[in-house]
Amino acid sequence: MFGLGTQELIIILAIVFLIFGAKKLPEIGSGLGKAIKNFKGGVKSIEEGNSEKPPEEAKKEAQNSGGSKSA
């Protein structure tokens, strides 16, 4: 993977663990997973010729427009 061996990956993971801590790692992983999912959805919609937004983005906009109405 990118010319990195097992020892290099372990060192990189240890540094990341020290920088962000154990509590932040799940949040970072979740954010990264969502970003990858949105990216794949965007690429897929472009390949299909759709100008529609990825499902995650469409859900967020629907929630924001429905919940942000004020009198």
PDB file of N, CA and C in Angstrom:
ATOM      1  N   MET A   1       0.849  -1.189   0.000  1.00  0.00           N
ATOM      2  CA  MET A   1       0.000   0.000   0.000  1.00  0.00           C
ATOM      3  C   MET A   1       0.882   1.236   0.000  1.00  0.00           C
ATOM      4  N   PHE A   2       0.956   1.941  -1.119  1.00  0.00           N
ATOM      5  CA  PHE A   2       1.732   3.162  -1.287  1.00  0.00           C
ATOM      6  C   PHE A   2       3.206   2.964  -0.953  1.00  0.00           C
ATOM      7  N   GLY A   3       3.683   1.754  -1.048  1.00  0.00           N
ATOM      8  CA  GLY A   3       5.089   1.474  -0.780  1.00  0.00           C
ATOM      9  C   GLY A   3       5.435   1.498   0.698  1.00  0.00           C
ATOM     10  N   LEU A   4       4.435   1.435   1.566  1.00  0.00           N
ATOM     11  CA  LEU A   4       4.683   1.435   2.999  1.00  0.00           C
ATOM     12  C   LEU A   4       4.626   0.014   3.533  1.00  0.00           C
ATOM     13  N   GLY A   5       5.550  -0.282   4.408  1.00  0.00           N
ATOM     14  CA  GLY A   5       5.564  -1.599   5.030  1.00  0.00           C
ATOM     15  C   GLY A   5       4.760  -1.594   6.315  1.00  0.00           C
ATOM     16  N   THR A   6       4.729  -2.734   6.962  1.00  0.00           N
ATOM     17  CA  THR A   6       3.966  -2.883   8.202  1.00  0.00           C
ATOM     18  C   THR A   6       4.501  -1.983   9.305  1.00  0.00           C
ATOM     19  N   GLN A   7       5.809  -1.903   9.427  1.00  0.00           N
ATOM     20  CA  GLN A   7       6.397  -1.074  10.479  1.00  0.00           C
ATOM     21  C   GLN A   7       6.057   0.401  10.294  1.00  0.00           C
ATOM     22  N   GLU A   8       6.094   0.881   9.058  1.00  0.00           N
ATOM     23  CA  GLU A   8       5.775   2.277   8.800  1.00  0.00           C
ATOM     24  C   GLU A   8       4.323   2.583   9.130  1.00  0.00           C
ATOM     25  N   LEU A   9       3.419   1.660   8.767  1.00  0.00           N
ATOM     26  CA  LEU A   9       1.998   1.859   9.060  1.00  0.00           C
ATOM     27  C   LEU A   9       1.736   1.888  10.565  1.00  0.00           C
ATOM     28  N   ILE A  10       2.413   1.020  11.304  1.00  0.00           N
ATOM     29  CA  ILE A  10       2.253   0.999  12.758  1.00  0.00           C
ATOM     30  C   ILE A  10       2.736   2.304  13.364  1.00  0.00           C
ATOM     31  N   ILE A  11       3.856   2.812  12.887  1.00  0.00           N
ATOM     32  CA  ILE A  11       4.387   4.079  13.398  1.00  0.00           C
ATOM     33  C   ILE A  11       3.425   5.226  13.080  1.00  0.00           C
ATOM     34  N   ILE A  12       2.895   5.260  11.875  1.00  0.00           N
ATOM     35  CA  ILE A  12       1.951   6.313  11.486  1.00  0.00           C
ATOM     36  C   ILE A  12       0.694   6.244  12.353  1.00  0.00           C
ATOM     37  N   LEU A  13       0.161   5.040  12.573  1.00  0.00           N
ATOM     38  CA  LEU A  13      -1.022   4.890  13.414  1.00  0.00           C
ATOM     39  C   LEU A  13      -0.751   5.317  14.856  1.00  0.00           C
ATOM     40  N   ALA A  14       0.431   5.015  15.358  1.00  0.00           N
ATOM     41  CA  ALA A  14       0.788   5.421  16.720  1.00  0.00           C
ATOM     42  C   ALA A  14       0.851   6.940  16.827  1.00  0.00           C
ATOM     43  N   ILE A  15       1.404   7.595  15.831  1.00  0.00           N
ATOM     44  CA  ILE A  15       1.490   9.063  15.834  1.00  0.00           C
ATOM     45  C   ILE A  15       0.093   9.669  15.772  1.00  0.00           C
ATOM     46  N   VAL A  16      -0.762   9.131  14.914  1.00  0.00           N
ATOM     47  CA  VAL A  16      -2.140   9.619  14.815  1.00  0.00           C
ATOM     48  C   VAL A  16      -2.856   9.443  16.149  1.00  0.00           C
ATOM     49  N   PHE A  17      -2.657   8.294  16.788  1.00  0.00           N
ATOM     50  CA  PHE A  17      -3.272   8.033  18.089  1.00  0.00           C
ATOM     51  C   PHE A  17      -2.806   9.041  19.128  1.00  0.00           C
ATOM     52  N   LEU A  18      -1.513   9.354  19.121  1.00  0.00           N
ATOM     53  CA  LEU A  18      -0.981  10.316  20.088  1.00  0.00           C
ATOM     54  C   LEU A  18      -1.502  11.733  19.827  1.00  0.00           C
ATOM     55  N   ILE A  19      -1.638  12.101  18.563  1.00  0.00           N
ATOM     56  CA  ILE A  19      -2.081  13.448  18.225  1.00  0.00           C
ATOM     57  C   ILE A  19      -3.564  13.644  18.546  1.00  0.00           C
ATOM     58  N   PHE A  20      -4.402  12.720  18.131  1.00  0.00           N
ATOM     59  CA  PHE A  20      -5.844  12.910  18.257  1.00  0.00           C
ATOM     60  C   PHE A  20      -6.445  12.292  19.517  1.00  0.00           C
ATOM     61  N   GLY A  21      -5.815  11.296  20.078  1.00  0.00           N
ATOM     62  CA  GLY A  21      -6.344  10.654  21.273  1.00  0.00           C
ATOM     63  C   GLY A  21      -7.394   9.610  20.942  1.00  0.00           C
ATOM     64  N   ALA A  22      -7.708   8.805  21.939  1.00  0.00           N
ATOM     65  CA  ALA A  22      -8.626   7.684  21.735  1.00  0.00           C
ATOM     66  C   ALA A  22     -10.066   8.144  21.538  1.00  0.00           C
ATOM     67  N   LYS A  23     -10.447   9.262  22.117  1.00  0.00           N
ATOM     68  CA  LYS A  23     -11.832   9.718  22.020  1.00  0.00           C
ATOM     69  C   LYS A  23     -12.161  10.313  20.665  1.00  0.00           C
ATOM     70  N   LYS A  24     -11.192  10.903  20.008  1.00  0.00           N
ATOM     71  CA  LYS A  24     -11.435  11.555  18.720  1.00  0.00           C
ATOM     72  C   LYS A  24     -11.381  10.596  17.542  1.00  0.00           C
ATOM     73  N   LEU A  25     -10.691   9.477  17.673  1.00  0.00           N
ATOM     74  CA  LEU A  25     -10.518   8.561  16.547  1.00  0.00           C
ATOM     75  C   LEU A  25     -11.829   8.044  15.962  1.00  0.00           C
ATOM     76  N   PRO A  26     -12.820   7.644  16.769  1.00  0.00           N
ATOM     77  CA  PRO A  26     -14.085   7.207  16.164  1.00  0.00           C
ATOM     78  C   PRO A  26     -14.791   8.323  15.382  1.00  0.00           C
ATOM     79  N   GLU A  27     -14.713   9.545  15.878  1.00  0.00           N
ATOM     80  CA  GLU A  27     -15.319  10.679  15.174  1.00  0.00           C
ATOM     81  C   GLU A  27     -14.625  10.922  13.840  1.00  0.00           C
ATOM     82  N   ILE A  28     -13.318  10.824  13.839  1.00  0.00           N
ATOM     83  CA  ILE A  28     -12.552  11.028  12.609  1.00  0.00           C
ATOM     84  C   ILE A  28     -12.883   9.926  11.611  1.00  0.00           C
ATOM     85  N   GLY A  29     -12.943   8.693  12.078  1.00  0.00           N
ATOM     86  CA  GLY A  29     -13.285   7.566  11.203  1.00  0.00           C
ATOM     87  C   GLY A  29     -14.676   7.703  10.617  1.00  0.00           C
ATOM     88  N   SER A  30     -15.615   8.128  11.440  1.00  0.00           N
ATOM     89  CA  SER A  30     -16.992   8.313  10.971  1.00  0.00           C
ATOM     90  C   SER A  30     -17.060   9.418   9.923  1.00  0.00           C
ATOM     91  N   GLY A  31     -16.390  10.519  10.181  1.00  0.00           N
ATOM     92  CA  GLY A  31     -16.376  11.623   9.217  1.00  0.00           C
ATOM     93  C   GLY A  31     -15.719  11.228   7.909  1.00  0.00           C
ATOM     94  N   LEU A  32     -14.651  10.474   7.999  1.00  0.00           N
ATOM     95  CA  LEU A  32     -13.964  10.011   6.802  1.00  0.00           C
ATOM     96  C   LEU A  32     -14.844   9.059   6.000  1.00  0.00           C
ATOM     97  N   GLY A  33     -15.535   8.165   6.695  1.00  0.00           N
ATOM     98  CA  GLY A  33     -16.443   7.237   6.025  1.00  0.00           C
ATOM     99  C   GLY A  33     -17.572   7.963   5.302  1.00  0.00           C
ATOM    100  N   LYS A  34     -18.164   8.970   5.947  1.00  0.00           N
ATOM    101  CA  LYS A  34     -19.234   9.752   5.321  1.00  0.00           C
ATOM    102  C   LYS A  34     -18.716  10.516   4.108  1.00  0.00           C
ATOM    103  N   ALA A  35     -17.503  11.048   4.229  1.00  0.00           N
ATOM    104  CA  ALA A  35     -16.925  11.790   3.107  1.00  0.00           C
ATOM    105  C   ALA A  35     -16.695  10.879   1.908  1.00  0.00           C
ATOM    106  N   ILE A  36     -16.187   9.694   2.151  1.00  0.00           N
ATOM    107  CA  ILE A  36     -15.951   8.738   1.064  1.00  0.00           C
ATOM    108  C   ILE A  36     -17.278   8.329   0.430  1.00  0.00           C
ATOM    109  N   LYS A  37     -18.296   8.101   1.259  1.00  0.00           N
ATOM    110  CA  LYS A  37     -19.611   7.706   0.750  1.00  0.00           C
ATOM    111  C   LYS A  37     -20.199   8.808  -0.133  1.00  0.00           C
ATOM    112  N   ASN A  38     -20.107  10.048   0.312  1.00  0.00           N
ATOM    113  CA  ASN A  38     -20.615  11.171  -0.479  1.00  0.00           C
ATOM    114  C   ASN A  38     -19.827  11.330  -1.781  1.00  0.00           C
ATOM    115  N   PHE A  39     -18.526  11.133  -1.708  1.00  0.00           N
ATOM    116  CA  PHE A  39     -17.697  11.246  -2.907  1.00  0.00           C
ATOM    117  C   PHE A  39     -18.086  10.190  -3.927  1.00  0.00           C
ATOM    118  N   LYS A  40     -18.249   8.953  -3.464  1.00  0.00           N
ATOM    119  CA  LYS A  40     -18.641   7.870  -4.373  1.00  0.00           C
ATOM    120  C   LYS A  40     -20.020   8.139  -4.969  1.00  0.00           C
ATOM    121  N   GLY A  41     -20.942   8.664  -4.158  1.00  0.00           N
ATOM    122  CA  GLY A  41     -22.268   8.996  -4.661  1.00  0.00           C
ATOM    123  C   GLY A  41     -22.217  10.087  -5.712  1.00  0.00           C
ATOM    124  N   GLY A  42     -21.367  11.069  -5.503  1.00  0.00           N
ATOM    125  CA  GLY A  42     -21.202  12.138  -6.487  1.00  0.00           C
ATOM    126  C   GLY A  42     -20.609  11.630  -7.781  1.00  0.00           C
ATOM    127  N   VAL A  43     -19.603  10.798  -7.684  1.00  0.00           N
ATOM    128  CA  VAL A  43     -18.972  10.234  -8.879  1.00  0.00           C
ATOM    129  C   VAL A  43     -19.978   9.371  -9.634  1.00  0.00           C
ATOM    130  N   LYS A  44     -20.752   8.580  -8.892  1.00  0.00           N
ATOM    131  CA  LYS A  44     -21.740   7.705  -9.522  1.00  0.00           C
ATOM    132  C   LYS A  44     -22.816   8.525 -10.243  1.00  0.00           C
ATOM    133  N   SER A  45     -23.258   9.613  -9.640  1.00  0.00           N
ATOM    134  CA  SER A  45     -24.284  10.429 -10.274  1.00  0.00           C
ATOM    135  C   SER A  45     -23.743  11.124 -11.524  1.00  0.00           C
ATOM    136  N   ILE A  46     -22.478  11.492 -11.505  1.00  0.00           N
ATOM    137  CA  ILE A  46     -21.869  12.111 -12.689  1.00  0.00           C
ATOM    138  C   ILE A  46     -21.741  11.081 -13.802  1.00  0.00           C
ATOM    139  N   GLU A  47     -21.325   9.854 -13.439  1.00  0.00           N
ATOM    140  CA  GLU A  47     -21.182   8.801 -14.441  1.00  0.00           C
ATOM    141  C   GLU A  47     -22.524   8.441 -15.073  1.00  0.00           C
ATOM    142  N   GLU A  48     -23.593   8.511 -14.307  1.00  0.00           N
ATOM    143  CA  GLU A  48     -24.914   8.182 -14.819  1.00  0.00           C
ATOM    144  C   GLU A  48     -25.532   9.339 -15.597  1.00  0.00           C
ATOM    145  N   GLY A  49     -24.918  10.489 -15.536  1.00  0.00           N
ATOM    146  CA  GLY A  49     -25.429  11.645 -16.246  1.00  0.00           C
ATOM    147  C   GLY A  49     -26.472  12.411 -15.468  1.00  0.00           C
ATOM    148  N   ASN A  50     -26.645  12.068 -14.217  1.00  0.00           N
ATOM    149  CA  ASN A  50     -27.599  12.781 -13.370  1.00  0.00           C
ATOM    150  C   ASN A  50     -26.994  14.080 -12.887  1.00  0.00           C
ATOM    151  N   SER A  51     -27.822  15.077 -12.744  1.00  0.00           N
ATOM    152  CA  SER A  51     -27.362  16.298 -12.107  1.00  0.00           C
ATOM    153  C   SER A  51     -27.897  16.345 -10.692  1.00  0.00           C
ATOM    154  N   GLU A  52     -28.508  15.238 -10.250  1.00  0.00           N
ATOM    155  CA  GLU A  52     -29.049  15.174  -8.905  1.00  0.00           C
ATOM    156  C   GLU A  52     -27.918  15.088  -7.897  1.00  0.00           C
ATOM    157  N   LYS A  53     -28.236  15.494  -6.664  1.00  0.00           N
ATOM    158  CA  LYS A  53     -27.254  15.439  -5.592  1.00  0.00           C
ATOM    159  C   LYS A  53     -27.223  14.045  -4.995  1.00  0.00           C
ATOM    160  N   PRO A  54     -26.090  13.669  -4.386  1.00  0.00           N
ATOM    161  CA  PRO A  54     -25.999  12.370  -3.722  1.00  0.00           C
ATOM    162  C   PRO A  54     -27.063  12.248  -2.637  1.00  0.00           C
ATOM    163  N   PRO A  55     -27.498  11.030  -2.317  1.00  0.00           N
ATOM    164  CA  PRO A  55     -28.581  10.831  -1.355  1.00  0.00           C
ATOM    165  C   PRO A  55     -28.340  11.493   0.001  1.00  0.00           C
ATOM    166  N   GLU A  56     -27.123  11.427   0.519  1.00  0.00           N
ATOM    167  CA  GLU A  56     -26.836  12.023   1.818  1.00  0.00           C
ATOM    168  C   GLU A  56     -27.058  13.528   1.787  1.00  0.00           C
ATOM    169  N   GLU A  57     -26.607  14.169   0.731  1.00  0.00           N
ATOM    170  CA  GLU A  57     -26.742  15.611   0.612  1.00  0.00           C
ATOM    171  C   GLU A  57     -28.210  16.003   0.455  1.00  0.00           C
ATOM    172  N   ALA A  58     -28.964  15.230  -0.297  1.00  0.00           N
ATOM    173  CA  ALA A  58     -30.386  15.500  -0.495  1.00  0.00           C
ATOM    174  C   ALA A  58     -31.142  15.380   0.824  1.00  0.00           C
ATOM    175  N   LYS A  59     -30.794  14.381   1.641  1.00  0.00           N
ATOM    176  CA  LYS A  59     -31.433  14.207   2.944  1.00  0.00           C
ATOM    177  C   LYS A  59     -31.169  15.409   3.848  1.00  0.00           C
ATOM    178  N   LYS A  60     -29.914  15.874   3.862  1.00  0.00           N
ATOM    179  CA  LYS A  60     -29.559  17.006   4.714  1.00  0.00           C
ATOM    180  C   LYS A  60     -30.333  18.252   4.312  1.00  0.00           C
ATOM    181  N   GLU A  61     -30.434  18.504   3.011  1.00  0.00           N
ATOM    182  CA  GLU A  61     -31.156  19.684   2.545  1.00  0.00           C
ATOM    183  C   GLU A  61     -32.634  19.591   2.877  1.00  0.00           C
ATOM    184  N   ALA A  62     -33.202  18.397   2.772  1.00  0.00           N
ATOM    185  CA  ALA A  62     -34.613  18.207   3.093  1.00  0.00           C
ATOM    186  C   ALA A  62     -34.859  18.470   4.573  1.00  0.00           C
ATOM    187  N   GLN A  63     -33.952  18.004   5.419  1.00  0.00           N
ATOM    188  CA  GLN A  63     -34.096  18.225   6.851  1.00  0.00           C
ATOM    189  C   GLN A  63     -33.917  19.696   7.191  1.00  0.00           C
ATOM    190  N   ASN A  64     -32.951  20.347   6.588  1.00  0.00           N
ATOM    191  CA  ASN A  64     -32.691  21.755   6.870  1.00  0.00           C
ATOM    192  C   ASN A  64     -33.839  22.635   6.403  1.00  0.00           C
ATOM    193  N   SER A  65     -34.386  22.384   5.250  1.00  0.00           N
ATOM    194  CA  SER A  65     -35.460  23.237   4.748  1.00  0.00           C
ATOM    195  C   SER A  65     -36.752  22.996   5.518  1.00  0.00           C
ATOM    196  N   GLY A  66     -36.984  21.790   5.969  1.00  0.00           N
ATOM    197  CA  GLY A  66     -38.201  21.491   6.727  1.00  0.00           C
ATOM    198  C   GLY A  66     -38.153  21.983   8.152  1.00  0.00           C
ATOM    199  N   GLY A  67     -36.992  21.981   8.754  1.00  0.00           N
ATOM    200  CA  GLY A  67     -36.868  22.342  10.162  1.00  0.00           C
ATOM    201  C   GLY A  67     -36.494  23.782  10.409  1.00  0.00           C
ATOM    202  N   SER A  68     -36.146  24.530   9.365  1.00  0.00           N
ATOM    203  CA  SER A  68     -35.664  25.884   9.598  1.00  0.00           C
ATOM    204  C   SER A  68     -36.712  26.949   9.291  1.00  0.00           C
ATOM    205  N   LYS A  69     -37.974  26.573   9.143  1.00  0.00           N
ATOM    206  CA  LYS A  69     -39.024  27.545   8.893  1.00  0.00           C
ATOM    207  C   LYS A  69     -39.329  28.284  10.180  1.00  0.00           C
ATOM    208  N   SER A  70     -39.366  29.599  10.090  1.00  0.00           N
ATOM    209  CA  SER A  70     -39.696  30.387  11.268  1.00  0.00           C
ATOM    210  C   SER A  70     -40.783  31.382  10.929  1.00  0.00           C
ATOM    211  N   ALA A  71     -41.598  31.761  11.936  1.00  0.00           N
ATOM    212  CA  ALA A  71     -42.728  32.658  11.696  1.00  0.00           C
ATOM    213  C   ALA A  71     -42.357  34.083  11.949  1.00  0.00           C
TER     214      ALA A  71
END
